[in-house]
N, C-alpha and C. Protein backbone atom coordinates (compact mmCIF):
# COMPACT_ATOMS: atom_id res chain seq x y z
N MET A 1 4.19 -41.55 -42.85
CA MET A 1 3.32 -42.70 -42.81
C MET A 1 3.03 -43.15 -44.23
N HIS A 2 2.93 -44.46 -44.43
CA HIS A 2 2.66 -45.00 -45.75
C HIS A 2 1.24 -44.66 -46.20
N ALA A 3 1.10 -44.49 -47.49
CA ALA A 3 -0.23 -44.21 -48.03
C ALA A 3 -1.09 -45.46 -47.89
N GLY A 4 -2.29 -45.32 -47.43
CA GLY A 4 -3.23 -46.43 -47.33
C GLY A 4 -3.18 -47.14 -45.99
N LEU A 5 -2.23 -46.79 -45.11
CA LEU A 5 -2.17 -47.42 -43.80
C LEU A 5 -2.77 -46.46 -42.77
N SER A 6 -3.82 -46.93 -42.18
CA SER A 6 -4.44 -46.10 -41.15
C SER A 6 -3.90 -46.49 -39.79
N ASN A 7 -4.15 -45.66 -38.83
CA ASN A 7 -3.72 -45.96 -37.46
C ASN A 7 -4.38 -47.23 -36.95
N GLY A 8 -5.61 -47.49 -37.37
CA GLY A 8 -6.32 -48.70 -36.93
C GLY A 8 -5.65 -49.97 -37.42
N LYS A 9 -5.17 -49.97 -38.69
CA LYS A 9 -4.50 -51.15 -39.23
C LYS A 9 -3.18 -51.40 -38.49
N ILE A 10 -2.45 -50.36 -38.23
CA ILE A 10 -1.17 -50.50 -37.54
C ILE A 10 -1.39 -51.04 -36.13
N VAL A 11 -2.40 -50.56 -35.44
CA VAL A 11 -2.70 -51.04 -34.10
C VAL A 11 -3.11 -52.51 -34.16
N ASN A 12 -3.89 -52.90 -35.16
CA ASN A 12 -4.30 -54.30 -35.30
C ASN A 12 -3.09 -55.19 -35.53
N TRP A 13 -2.17 -54.77 -36.39
CA TRP A 13 -0.97 -55.57 -36.63
C TRP A 13 -0.13 -55.72 -35.37
N ILE A 14 -0.01 -54.65 -34.60
CA ILE A 14 0.75 -54.71 -33.35
C ILE A 14 0.08 -55.69 -32.38
N ASN A 15 -1.26 -55.64 -32.30
CA ASN A 15 -1.98 -56.56 -31.40
C ASN A 15 -1.79 -58.01 -31.83
N VAL A 16 -1.83 -58.25 -33.13
CA VAL A 16 -1.63 -59.62 -33.63
C VAL A 16 -0.22 -60.09 -33.32
N ASP A 17 0.76 -59.22 -33.53
CA ASP A 17 2.15 -59.59 -33.23
C ASP A 17 2.33 -59.90 -31.75
N ILE A 18 1.76 -59.08 -30.90
CA ILE A 18 1.87 -59.31 -29.46
C ILE A 18 1.21 -60.62 -29.08
N GLU A 19 0.06 -60.92 -29.67
CA GLU A 19 -0.63 -62.18 -29.37
C GLU A 19 0.21 -63.37 -29.83
N ARG A 20 0.84 -63.27 -31.00
CA ARG A 20 1.69 -64.36 -31.49
C ARG A 20 2.91 -64.57 -30.59
N ILE A 21 3.49 -63.48 -30.13
CA ILE A 21 4.63 -63.60 -29.20
C ILE A 21 4.19 -64.27 -27.91
N GLY A 22 3.02 -63.88 -27.40
CA GLY A 22 2.49 -64.50 -26.18
C GLY A 22 2.23 -65.99 -26.37
N ASP A 23 1.68 -66.38 -27.53
CA ASP A 23 1.44 -67.80 -27.81
C ASP A 23 2.75 -68.57 -27.89
N PHE A 24 3.75 -67.96 -28.51
CA PHE A 24 5.05 -68.61 -28.62
C PHE A 24 5.68 -68.85 -27.25
N VAL A 25 5.61 -67.84 -26.39
CA VAL A 25 6.17 -67.97 -25.05
C VAL A 25 5.42 -69.04 -24.26
N ALA A 26 4.10 -69.08 -24.39
CA ALA A 26 3.30 -70.08 -23.67
C ALA A 26 3.63 -71.48 -24.16
N SER A 27 3.82 -71.66 -25.47
CA SER A 27 4.16 -72.99 -25.97
C SER A 27 5.58 -73.38 -25.55
N GLY A 28 6.47 -72.40 -25.45
CA GLY A 28 7.83 -72.68 -25.00
C GLY A 28 7.89 -73.14 -23.57
N ARG A 29 7.02 -72.58 -22.74
CA ARG A 29 6.99 -73.00 -21.33
C ARG A 29 6.57 -74.45 -21.21
N SER A 30 5.62 -74.90 -22.01
CA SER A 30 5.20 -76.29 -21.91
C SER A 30 6.27 -77.22 -22.46
N THR A 31 7.03 -76.75 -23.45
CA THR A 31 8.10 -77.57 -24.01
C THR A 31 9.22 -77.76 -23.01
N PHE A 32 9.52 -76.73 -22.24
CA PHE A 32 10.62 -76.80 -21.28
C PHE A 32 10.12 -76.99 -19.85
N SER A 33 9.00 -77.63 -19.71
CA SER A 33 8.48 -77.88 -18.36
C SER A 33 9.37 -78.90 -17.67
N PRO A 34 9.36 -78.95 -16.36
CA PRO A 34 10.23 -79.88 -15.62
C PRO A 34 10.05 -81.34 -16.02
N SER A 35 8.80 -81.75 -16.31
CA SER A 35 8.59 -83.15 -16.67
C SER A 35 9.24 -83.47 -18.02
N HIS A 36 9.10 -82.55 -18.99
CA HIS A 36 9.76 -82.77 -20.27
C HIS A 36 11.27 -82.75 -20.12
N PHE A 37 11.77 -81.84 -19.31
CA PHE A 37 13.21 -81.74 -19.10
C PHE A 37 13.75 -83.00 -18.44
N LEU A 38 13.06 -83.51 -17.43
CA LEU A 38 13.48 -84.72 -16.73
C LEU A 38 13.46 -85.91 -17.68
N HIS A 39 12.42 -86.01 -18.49
CA HIS A 39 12.31 -87.11 -19.45
C HIS A 39 13.48 -87.05 -20.44
N ALA A 40 13.79 -85.87 -20.95
CA ALA A 40 14.89 -85.72 -21.90
C ALA A 40 16.23 -86.05 -21.24
N ALA A 41 16.40 -85.66 -20.00
CA ALA A 41 17.65 -85.94 -19.29
C ALA A 41 17.83 -87.44 -19.08
N ILE A 42 16.77 -88.13 -18.69
CA ILE A 42 16.86 -89.58 -18.47
C ILE A 42 17.15 -90.30 -19.79
N CYS A 43 16.47 -89.89 -20.85
CA CYS A 43 16.72 -90.51 -22.16
C CYS A 43 18.17 -90.29 -22.60
N SER A 44 18.68 -89.09 -22.36
CA SER A 44 20.06 -88.79 -22.73
C SER A 44 21.03 -89.64 -21.93
N MET A 45 20.78 -89.80 -20.64
CA MET A 45 21.66 -90.60 -19.80
C MET A 45 21.67 -92.06 -20.26
N VAL A 46 20.51 -92.60 -20.55
CA VAL A 46 20.42 -94.00 -21.01
C VAL A 46 21.19 -94.16 -22.32
N PHE A 47 21.01 -93.20 -23.23
CA PHE A 47 21.73 -93.27 -24.51
C PHE A 47 23.23 -93.23 -24.30
N VAL A 48 23.71 -92.35 -23.43
CA VAL A 48 25.15 -92.24 -23.18
C VAL A 48 25.70 -93.51 -22.57
N VAL A 49 25.00 -94.09 -21.61
CA VAL A 49 25.48 -95.30 -20.95
C VAL A 49 25.55 -96.46 -21.95
N VAL A 50 24.51 -96.62 -22.75
CA VAL A 50 24.48 -97.73 -23.71
C VAL A 50 25.56 -97.54 -24.78
N SER A 51 25.68 -96.36 -25.32
CA SER A 51 26.67 -96.14 -26.37
C SER A 51 28.09 -96.16 -25.81
N ASN A 52 28.27 -95.76 -24.58
CA ASN A 52 29.60 -95.74 -23.97
C ASN A 52 30.17 -97.15 -23.86
N LYS A 53 29.35 -98.12 -23.55
CA LYS A 53 29.80 -99.50 -23.41
C LYS A 53 30.40 -100.00 -24.72
N SER A 54 29.71 -99.78 -25.82
CA SER A 54 30.23 -100.25 -27.11
C SER A 54 31.46 -99.46 -27.52
N LEU A 55 31.49 -98.17 -27.22
CA LEU A 55 32.66 -97.36 -27.57
C LEU A 55 33.90 -97.80 -26.78
N VAL A 56 33.72 -98.15 -25.52
CA VAL A 56 34.86 -98.61 -24.70
C VAL A 56 35.39 -99.93 -25.24
N ASN A 57 34.48 -100.84 -25.63
CA ASN A 57 34.92 -102.12 -26.19
C ASN A 57 35.70 -101.91 -27.49
N MET A 58 35.21 -101.02 -28.34
CA MET A 58 35.88 -100.73 -29.59
C MET A 58 37.25 -100.10 -29.33
N GLN A 59 37.32 -99.21 -28.36
CA GLN A 59 38.59 -98.56 -28.04
C GLN A 59 39.61 -99.58 -27.53
N GLU A 60 39.17 -100.52 -26.70
CA GLU A 60 40.09 -101.53 -26.18
C GLU A 60 40.63 -102.40 -27.30
N LYS A 61 39.76 -102.77 -28.25
CA LYS A 61 40.19 -103.60 -29.37
C LYS A 61 41.23 -102.85 -30.21
N HIS A 62 40.97 -101.62 -30.52
CA HIS A 62 41.91 -100.84 -31.33
C HIS A 62 43.18 -100.51 -30.56
N HIS A 63 43.08 -100.34 -29.26
CA HIS A 63 44.26 -100.04 -28.45
C HIS A 63 45.24 -101.21 -28.50
N SER A 64 44.73 -102.43 -28.39
CA SER A 64 45.63 -103.58 -28.43
C SER A 64 46.29 -103.71 -29.80
N LYS A 65 45.55 -103.40 -30.88
CA LYS A 65 46.14 -103.43 -32.21
C LYS A 65 47.22 -102.37 -32.36
N ILE A 66 46.97 -101.20 -31.81
CA ILE A 66 47.97 -100.12 -31.87
C ILE A 66 49.23 -100.52 -31.10
N MET A 67 49.04 -101.14 -29.94
CA MET A 67 50.20 -101.55 -29.14
C MET A 67 51.01 -102.63 -29.87
N GLU A 68 50.32 -103.56 -30.56
CA GLU A 68 51.03 -104.57 -31.33
C GLU A 68 51.83 -103.93 -32.46
N ALA A 69 51.24 -102.95 -33.14
CA ALA A 69 51.94 -102.26 -34.22
C ALA A 69 53.14 -101.49 -33.68
N LYS A 70 53.01 -100.90 -32.51
CA LYS A 70 54.14 -100.18 -31.90
C LYS A 70 55.28 -101.14 -31.57
N ASP A 71 54.93 -102.36 -31.08
CA ASP A 71 55.95 -103.35 -30.78
C ASP A 71 56.73 -103.73 -32.03
N VAL A 72 56.02 -103.97 -33.13
CA VAL A 72 56.67 -104.32 -34.39
C VAL A 72 57.56 -103.17 -34.84
N SER A 73 57.06 -101.96 -34.73
CA SER A 73 57.83 -100.79 -35.14
C SER A 73 59.09 -100.63 -34.29
N MET A 74 58.96 -100.83 -32.99
CA MET A 74 60.13 -100.70 -32.11
C MET A 74 61.18 -101.75 -32.41
N LYS A 75 60.75 -102.99 -32.71
CA LYS A 75 61.71 -104.03 -33.06
C LYS A 75 62.44 -103.69 -34.35
N ALA A 76 61.69 -103.22 -35.35
CA ALA A 76 62.31 -102.85 -36.63
C ALA A 76 63.27 -101.69 -36.44
N THR A 77 62.90 -100.72 -35.64
CA THR A 77 63.78 -99.58 -35.38
C THR A 77 65.05 -100.01 -34.67
N SER A 78 64.91 -100.90 -33.70
CA SER A 78 66.09 -101.38 -32.97
C SER A 78 67.03 -102.15 -33.89
N GLU A 79 66.48 -103.00 -34.76
CA GLU A 79 67.30 -103.75 -35.69
C GLU A 79 68.02 -102.81 -36.66
N THR A 80 67.32 -101.81 -37.14
CA THR A 80 67.93 -100.84 -38.06
C THR A 80 69.05 -100.08 -37.38
N ARG A 81 68.85 -99.66 -36.17
CA ARG A 81 69.90 -98.95 -35.42
C ARG A 81 71.12 -99.83 -35.24
N ALA A 82 70.87 -101.09 -34.90
CA ALA A 82 72.00 -102.01 -34.68
C ALA A 82 72.78 -102.19 -35.97
N ARG A 83 72.08 -102.32 -37.10
CA ARG A 83 72.77 -102.48 -38.38
C ARG A 83 73.55 -101.23 -38.77
N VAL A 84 72.98 -100.09 -38.52
CA VAL A 84 73.68 -98.83 -38.83
C VAL A 84 74.93 -98.70 -37.96
N LEU A 85 74.82 -99.05 -36.69
CA LEU A 85 76.01 -98.98 -35.82
C LEU A 85 77.10 -99.91 -36.29
N LYS A 86 76.72 -101.13 -36.68
CA LYS A 86 77.72 -102.08 -37.18
C LYS A 86 78.35 -101.57 -38.47
N LEU A 87 77.54 -100.96 -39.34
CA LEU A 87 78.05 -100.43 -40.59
C LEU A 87 79.08 -99.34 -40.33
N HIS A 88 78.76 -98.45 -39.41
CA HIS A 88 79.67 -97.34 -39.12
C HIS A 88 80.85 -97.76 -38.26
N SER A 89 80.78 -98.92 -37.66
CA SER A 89 81.92 -99.35 -36.84
C SER A 89 83.02 -99.93 -37.71
N GLY A 90 82.74 -100.16 -38.97
CA GLY A 90 83.78 -100.59 -39.90
C GLY A 90 83.97 -102.09 -39.97
N GLU A 91 83.03 -102.88 -39.52
CA GLU A 91 83.17 -104.32 -39.62
C GLU A 91 82.90 -104.75 -41.06
N PRO A 92 83.84 -105.40 -41.69
CA PRO A 92 83.68 -105.79 -43.09
C PRO A 92 82.56 -106.81 -43.31
N THR A 93 82.33 -107.71 -42.35
CA THR A 93 81.28 -108.73 -42.54
C THR A 93 79.89 -108.09 -42.54
N SER A 94 79.67 -107.11 -41.70
CA SER A 94 78.38 -106.41 -41.67
C SER A 94 78.16 -105.62 -42.94
N LEU A 95 79.22 -105.02 -43.43
CA LEU A 95 79.11 -104.24 -44.67
C LEU A 95 78.72 -105.14 -45.83
N LYS A 96 79.27 -106.35 -45.91
CA LYS A 96 78.94 -107.29 -46.98
C LYS A 96 77.48 -107.72 -46.89
N LYS A 97 76.95 -107.98 -45.70
CA LYS A 97 75.54 -108.38 -45.52
C LYS A 97 74.60 -107.29 -45.94
N ILE A 98 74.92 -106.06 -45.57
CA ILE A 98 74.03 -104.94 -45.87
C ILE A 98 74.02 -104.66 -47.38
N LEU A 99 75.20 -104.72 -48.00
CA LEU A 99 75.27 -104.45 -49.44
C LEU A 99 74.70 -105.62 -50.20
C-alpha cells in the first residue's frame, strides 16, 4: 500500500468513481432515448434525400460528357486502325499520305 493512503481515502475514491460511472450511464440513456434516435433518423433521411437529388443530377451531367468523350475516342481509334491497315496492306497512296 502507498504511504499516506488510508483505507478510507481509497474507499472514497472508489465511491466517487462509481458515482461518475453511474452519471455517465444515466446521461447516455437520455442521449440514446427513442425520441432522440427517431429525430436523428428522420434528419438523416431528409439529408440523404435532398443530397441524393443533386448528386444524381451531377452524375447524369458527367455521364453524358464521359459518353461524348468515349465516342470521340472510338472514332479516333477506328480511323487510326484503318490507316494502319492501309499502311500494312502496301498501298503506295496511303503510305504517301501518312508520311
